[in-house]
Structures are given as C-alpha cells and as structure tokens.
Amino acid sequence: MSGLEPGDRAPAFSVYVGARRISYPESFSGKVLVVTYETKDVIEKNRPFKNRMLGFCASPMNASGVAVAFPVIDCSGYIGPIKSYCADQVQKFSKKEQLQLYTDRDGHMRHAFGMKDHESNILIIDQQGIVRYRHAGTITDAEGDRIIELIRQLLKQ
C-alpha cells in the first residue's frame, strides 16, 4: 500500500457532511480519529469491527470523547449529478444507522493517504496528528483487539 505509513504526520484534508465542509485538523484538534474509508461496495466488509469501534467510542472508557469514530465514504468516483446522488444516499444511510458519515467528494483524502480503492481502509490518527495505524482489508478479531489496545494507550497520553 502506498501513501502514508505509521509515524507520518496526517495531512490536512476536507470531507463533507451533506453540503457542509469539515476540515482536519481544525475540526478535530486533540482527538484520536478512528477512520474507516470505504466505497459503497465494501461497506459491510468490516461491519463487526466498525460496530465494536462505535461501542468503544460510546463507552465509559472514552467518557472524555477524545476517540472519534470517523467513517468516510468515497464518492469521488462519480461525476456530475451522480456524485450528488451518492452524497445524498450517504446522508440517508447516516440517518438510518444513527451515525455521522462523511463523504470524500473530490478524492483528495483518498490520494493524500494512499487509500486502497474498493477496499476497507482503517487509519488511527493520534491527538498530535500522527498516523499510528494503517490497514486495508479485513480486520480479524485479533487485529481488532490490537487496535482497541492502541486506542486505549493513546487515550492515556
């Protein structure tokens, strides 16, 4: 996988919630971001891991709200009105799942981080903006345990 590796500083990026643009690091300063970056065709791939992360982020271990689940759907492969339709569908799905979903409409986040296309990409970015974990593909239960432990350690810093 090309792109950023653990230990690299995360670049600035923007994503969208509906029509509203959200920028990093401004909107998430001091947070641990648990990023999942996917196209719609692989959205179910790591569902057990993503559910586990949502549970962790809502748990008393994260009472301060420092760890933030940050699911991003890549809509950049669509053009014209189809791109807008993708973003609208993501927001409908967001309401159904009762989860804030973000969209990458221009592909800048995908390119900046070297996300693998049509794959479930997982990133952990610490409070100082350093990439601490990166993976593309299925997250096993054992790998999920390692990720949770990493986040616990980051929350202690």
C-alpha atoms as a PDB file:
ATOM      1  CA  MET A   1       0.000   0.000   0.000  1.00  0.00           C
ATOM      2  CA  SER A   2       1.495   3.344  -0.955  1.00  0.00           C
ATOM      3  CA  GLY A   3       0.894   6.582   0.869  1.00  0.00           C
ATOM      4  CA  LEU A   4       1.280   7.470   4.499  1.00  0.00           C
ATOM      5  CA  GLU A   5       2.649   4.985   6.984  1.00  0.00           C
ATOM      6  CA  PRO A   6       2.513   4.824  10.784  1.00  0.00           C
ATOM      7  CA  GLY A   7       4.692   7.584  12.197  1.00  0.00           C
ATOM      8  CA  ASP A   8       3.911  10.034   9.369  1.00  0.00           C
ATOM      9  CA  ARG A   9       2.057  13.285  10.050  1.00  0.00           C
ATOM     10  CA  ALA A  10      -1.500  13.210   8.725  1.00  0.00           C
ATOM     11  CA  PRO A  11      -2.055  15.816   6.016  1.00  0.00           C
ATOM     12  CA  ALA A  12      -4.814  18.388   6.174  1.00  0.00           C
ATOM     13  CA  PHE A  13      -7.970  17.206   4.427  1.00  0.00           C
ATOM     14  CA  SER A  14     -11.611  18.096   3.974  1.00  0.00           C
ATOM     15  CA  VAL A  15     -14.693  15.899   3.882  1.00  0.00           C
ATOM     16  CA  TYR A  16     -18.382  16.696   3.766  1.00  0.00           C
ATOM     17  CA  VAL A  17     -21.457  16.180   5.892  1.00  0.00           C
ATOM     18  CA  GLY A  18     -24.251  16.880   3.447  1.00  0.00           C
ATOM     19  CA  ALA A  19     -23.241  20.192   1.851  1.00  0.00           C
ATOM     20  CA  ARG A  20     -21.147  21.300   4.853  1.00  0.00           C
ATOM     21  CA  ARG A  21     -17.382  21.038   4.501  1.00  0.00           C
ATOM     22  CA  ILE A  22     -15.439  19.750   7.520  1.00  0.00           C
ATOM     23  CA  SER A  23     -11.666  20.293   7.693  1.00  0.00           C
ATOM     24  CA  TYR A  24      -8.942  18.410   9.533  1.00  0.00           C
ATOM     25  CA  PRO A  25      -7.125  19.287  11.710  1.00  0.00           C
ATOM     26  CA  GLU A  26      -9.248  22.337  12.615  1.00  0.00           C
ATOM     27  CA  SER A  27     -12.435  20.431  13.452  1.00  0.00           C
ATOM     28  CA  PHE A  28     -10.744  17.551  15.280  1.00  0.00           C
ATOM     29  CA  SER A  29      -7.806  19.059  17.142  1.00  0.00           C
ATOM     30  CA  GLY A  30      -6.757  16.922  20.113  1.00  0.00           C
ATOM     31  CA  LYS A  31      -8.895  13.946  19.060  1.00  0.00           C
ATOM     32  CA  VAL A  32      -7.966  10.359  18.241  1.00  0.00           C
ATOM     33  CA  LEU A  33      -9.613   9.670  14.894  1.00  0.00           C
ATOM     34  CA  VAL A  34     -10.625   6.111  14.088  1.00  0.00           C
ATOM     35  CA  VAL A  35     -11.031   6.476  10.333  1.00  0.00           C
ATOM     36  CA  THR A  36     -12.764   3.949   8.128  1.00  0.00           C
ATOM     37  CA  TYR A  37     -12.567   4.881   4.459  1.00  0.00           C
ATOM     38  CA  GLU A  38     -14.604   2.839   2.007  1.00  0.00           C
ATOM     39  CA  THR A  39     -16.502   2.789  -1.240  1.00  0.00           C
ATOM     40  CA  LYS A  40     -20.122   1.667  -1.027  1.00  0.00           C
ATOM     41  CA  ASP A  41     -19.317  -1.781  -2.439  1.00  0.00           C
ATOM     42  CA  VAL A  42     -17.262  -2.761   0.637  1.00  0.00           C
ATOM     43  CA  ILE A  43     -19.276  -1.010   3.336  1.00  0.00           C
ATOM     44  CA  GLU A  44     -20.239  -4.289   5.025  1.00  0.00           C
ATOM     45  CA  LYS A  45     -16.732  -5.803   4.927  1.00  0.00           C
ATOM     46  CA  ASN A  46     -15.621  -4.805   8.429  1.00  0.00           C
ATOM     47  CA  ARG A  47     -19.072  -4.349   9.963  1.00  0.00           C
ATOM     48  CA  PRO A  48     -18.220  -6.322  13.160  1.00  0.00           C
ATOM     49  CA  PHE A  49     -15.077  -4.236  13.716  1.00  0.00           C
ATOM     50  CA  LYS A  50     -16.889  -0.967  12.989  1.00  0.00           C
ATOM     51  CA  ASN A  51     -19.687  -1.883  15.402  1.00  0.00           C
ATOM     52  CA  ARG A  52     -17.091  -2.697  18.029  1.00  0.00           C
ATOM     53  CA  MET A  53     -15.372   0.665  17.483  1.00  0.00           C
ATOM     54  CA  LEU A  54     -18.667   2.524  17.786  1.00  0.00           C
ATOM     55  CA  GLY A  55     -19.312   0.715  21.060  1.00  0.00           C
ATOM     56  CA  PHE A  56     -15.858   1.626  22.323  1.00  0.00           C
ATOM     57  CA  CYS A  57     -16.225   5.291  21.336  1.00  0.00           C
ATOM     58  CA  ALA A  58     -19.550   5.426  23.243  1.00  0.00           C
ATOM     59  CA  SER A  59     -18.203   3.547  26.291  1.00  0.00           C
ATOM     60  CA  PRO A  60     -17.137   4.958  29.675  1.00  0.00           C
ATOM     61  CA  MET A  61     -13.506   4.281  28.637  1.00  0.00           C
ATOM     62  CA  ASN A  62     -13.980   7.178  26.213  1.00  0.00           C
ATOM     63  CA  ALA A  63     -16.035   9.371  28.544  1.00  0.00           C
ATOM     64  CA  SER A  64     -13.985  12.413  27.536  1.00  0.00           C
ATOM     65  CA  GLY A  65     -14.968  11.877  23.890  1.00  0.00           C
ATOM     66  CA  VAL A  66     -11.344  12.007  22.742  1.00  0.00           C
ATOM     67  CA  ALA A  67     -11.702   8.937  20.477  1.00  0.00           C
ATOM     68  CA  VAL A  68     -13.915   9.744  17.492  1.00  0.00           C
ATOM     69  CA  ALA A  69     -15.312   7.240  15.002  1.00  0.00           C
ATOM     70  CA  PHE A  70     -14.744   8.842  11.613  1.00  0.00           C
ATOM     71  CA  PRO A  71     -16.414   6.835   8.811  1.00  0.00           C
ATOM     72  CA  VAL A  72     -15.769   8.249   5.329  1.00  0.00           C
ATOM     73  CA  ILE A  73     -17.477   7.087   2.140  1.00  0.00           C
ATOM     74  CA  ASP A  74     -15.627   7.736  -1.109  1.00  0.00           C
ATOM     75  CA  CYS A  75     -17.980   9.416  -3.608  1.00  0.00           C
ATOM     76  CA  SER A  76     -15.150  10.781  -5.744  1.00  0.00           C
ATOM     77  CA  GLY A  77     -15.507   8.133  -8.458  1.00  0.00           C
ATOM     78  CA  TYR A  78     -18.858   9.549  -9.534  1.00  0.00           C
ATOM     79  CA  ILE A  79     -19.378  12.531 -11.812  1.00  0.00           C
ATOM     80  CA  GLY A  80     -21.947  15.321 -12.056  1.00  0.00           C
ATOM     81  CA  PRO A  81     -25.366  14.617 -10.577  1.00  0.00           C
ATOM     82  CA  ILE A  82     -24.393  11.035  -9.690  1.00  0.00           C
ATOM     83  CA  LYS A  83     -21.829  12.403  -7.200  1.00  0.00           C
ATOM     84  CA  SER A  84     -24.545  14.496  -5.540  1.00  0.00           C
ATOM     85  CA  TYR A  85     -26.834  11.464  -5.511  1.00  0.00           C
ATOM     86  CA  CYS A  86     -24.082   9.419  -3.806  1.00  0.00           C
ATOM     87  CA  ALA A  87     -23.652  12.102  -1.124  1.00  0.00           C
ATOM     88  CA  ASP A  88     -27.440  12.264  -0.605  1.00  0.00           C
ATOM     89  CA  GLN A  89     -27.657   8.484  -0.236  1.00  0.00           C
ATOM     90  CA  VAL A  90     -24.822   8.513   2.293  1.00  0.00           C
ATOM     91  CA  GLN A  91     -26.737  11.050   4.389  1.00  0.00           C
ATOM     92  CA  LYS A  92     -29.919   8.947   4.223  1.00  0.00           C
ATOM     93  CA  PHE A  93     -27.922   5.906   5.305  1.00  0.00           C
ATOM     94  CA  SER A  94     -26.348   8.022   8.050  1.00  0.00           C
ATOM     95  CA  LYS A  95     -29.776   8.824   9.469  1.00  0.00           C
ATOM     96  CA  LYS A  96     -30.875   5.190   9.214  1.00  0.00           C
ATOM     97  CA  GLU A  97     -27.736   3.975  11.026  1.00  0.00           C
ATOM     98  CA  GLN A  98     -27.856   6.897  13.503  1.00  0.00           C
ATOM     99  CA  LEU A  99     -24.199   7.515  12.761  1.00  0.00           C
ATOM    100  CA  GLN A 100     -22.425  10.566  11.381  1.00  0.00           C
ATOM    101  CA  LEU A 101     -20.969   9.632   7.991  1.00  0.00           C
ATOM    102  CA  TYR A 102     -18.624  11.813   5.991  1.00  0.00           C
ATOM    103  CA  THR A 103     -18.040  11.856   2.229  1.00  0.00           C
ATOM    104  CA  ASP A 104     -14.880  12.416   0.213  1.00  0.00           C
ATOM    105  CA  ARG A 105     -16.267  14.057  -2.909  1.00  0.00           C
ATOM    106  CA  ASP A 106     -13.067  15.084  -4.653  1.00  0.00           C
ATOM    107  CA  GLY A 107     -10.762  12.164  -3.809  1.00  0.00           C
ATOM    108  CA  HIS A 108      -8.203  14.369  -2.071  1.00  0.00           C
ATOM    109  CA  MET A 109      -8.378  12.388   1.152  1.00  0.00           C
ATOM    110  CA  ARG A 110      -8.033   9.101  -0.747  1.00  0.00           C
ATOM    111  CA  HIS A 111      -4.971  10.360  -2.623  1.00  0.00           C
ATOM    112  CA  ALA A 112      -3.354  12.121   0.365  1.00  0.00           C
ATOM    113  CA  PHE A 113      -3.498   8.963   2.471  1.00  0.00           C
ATOM    114  CA  GLY A 114      -2.959   6.481  -0.362  1.00  0.00           C
ATOM    115  CA  MET A 115      -6.220   4.671   0.395  1.00  0.00           C
ATOM    116  CA  LYS A 116      -6.695   1.412  -1.444  1.00  0.00           C
ATOM    117  CA  ASP A 117      -9.596   1.673  -3.891  1.00  0.00           C
ATOM    118  CA  HIS A 118     -12.589  -0.649  -3.389  1.00  0.00           C
ATOM    119  CA  GLU A 119     -11.227  -1.805  -0.037  1.00  0.00           C
ATOM    120  CA  SER A 120     -11.985  -1.159   3.604  1.00  0.00           C
ATOM    121  CA  ASN A 121      -9.214   1.175   4.830  1.00  0.00           C
ATOM    122  CA  ILE A 122      -8.620   1.743   8.542  1.00  0.00           C
ATOM    123  CA  LEU A 123      -6.488   4.554   9.985  1.00  0.00           C
ATOM    124  CA  ILE A 124      -5.802   5.695  13.512  1.00  0.00           C
ATOM    125  CA  ILE A 125      -4.621   9.298  13.832  1.00  0.00           C
ATOM    126  CA  ASP A 126      -3.485  10.380  17.302  1.00  0.00           C
ATOM    127  CA  GLN A 127      -4.077  13.636  19.172  1.00  0.00           C
ATOM    128  CA  GLN A 128      -0.932  15.170  17.664  1.00  0.00           C
ATOM    129  CA  GLY A 129      -1.961  14.320  14.098  1.00  0.00           C
ATOM    130  CA  ILE A 130       0.378  11.345  13.667  1.00  0.00           C
ATOM    131  CA  VAL A 131      -0.792   8.248  11.803  1.00  0.00           C
ATOM    132  CA  ARG A 132      -0.464   5.440  14.343  1.00  0.00           C
ATOM    133  CA  TYR A 133      -2.132   2.596  12.427  1.00  0.00           C
ATOM    134  CA  ARG A 134      -2.989   1.828   8.824  1.00  0.00           C
ATOM    135  CA  HIS A 135      -4.575  -1.225   7.211  1.00  0.00           C
ATOM    136  CA  ALA A 136      -6.551  -2.121   4.103  1.00  0.00           C
ATOM    137  CA  GLY A 137      -8.669  -5.272   4.107  1.00  0.00           C
ATOM    138  CA  THR A 138     -10.496  -7.388   6.623  1.00  0.00           C
ATOM    139  CA  ILE A 139      -9.917  -6.762  10.324  1.00  0.00           C
ATOM    140  CA  THR A 140      -9.812 -10.041  12.248  1.00  0.00           C
ATOM    141  CA  ASP A 141     -10.963 -10.227  15.867  1.00  0.00           C
ATOM    142  CA  ALA A 142      -7.326 -10.436  16.995  1.00  0.00           C
ATOM    143  CA  GLU A 143      -6.407  -7.375  14.917  1.00  0.00           C
ATOM    144  CA  GLY A 144      -9.439  -5.578  16.352  1.00  0.00           C
ATOM    145  CA  ASP A 145      -8.117  -6.351  19.848  1.00  0.00           C
ATOM    146  CA  ARG A 146      -4.748  -4.794  18.925  1.00  0.00           C
ATOM    147  CA  ILE A 147      -6.469  -1.677  17.547  1.00  0.00           C
ATOM    148  CA  ILE A 148      -8.600  -1.260  20.701  1.00  0.00           C
ATOM    149  CA  GLU A 149      -5.463  -1.603  22.833  1.00  0.00           C
ATOM    150  CA  LEU A 150      -3.668   1.017  20.727  1.00  0.00           C
ATOM    151  CA  ILE A 151      -6.571   3.434  21.184  1.00  0.00           C
ATOM    152  CA  ARG A 152      -6.626   2.774  24.944  1.00  0.00           C
ATOM    153  CA  GLN A 153      -2.909   3.611  25.082  1.00  0.00           C
ATOM    154  CA  LEU A 154      -3.461   6.799  23.068  1.00  0.00           C
ATOM    155  CA  LEU A 155      -6.256   7.882  25.423  1.00  0.00           C
ATOM    156  CA  LYS A 156      -3.805   7.633  28.350  1.00  0.00           C
ATOM    157  CA  GLN A 157      -1.419  10.141  26.754  1.00  0.00           C
END
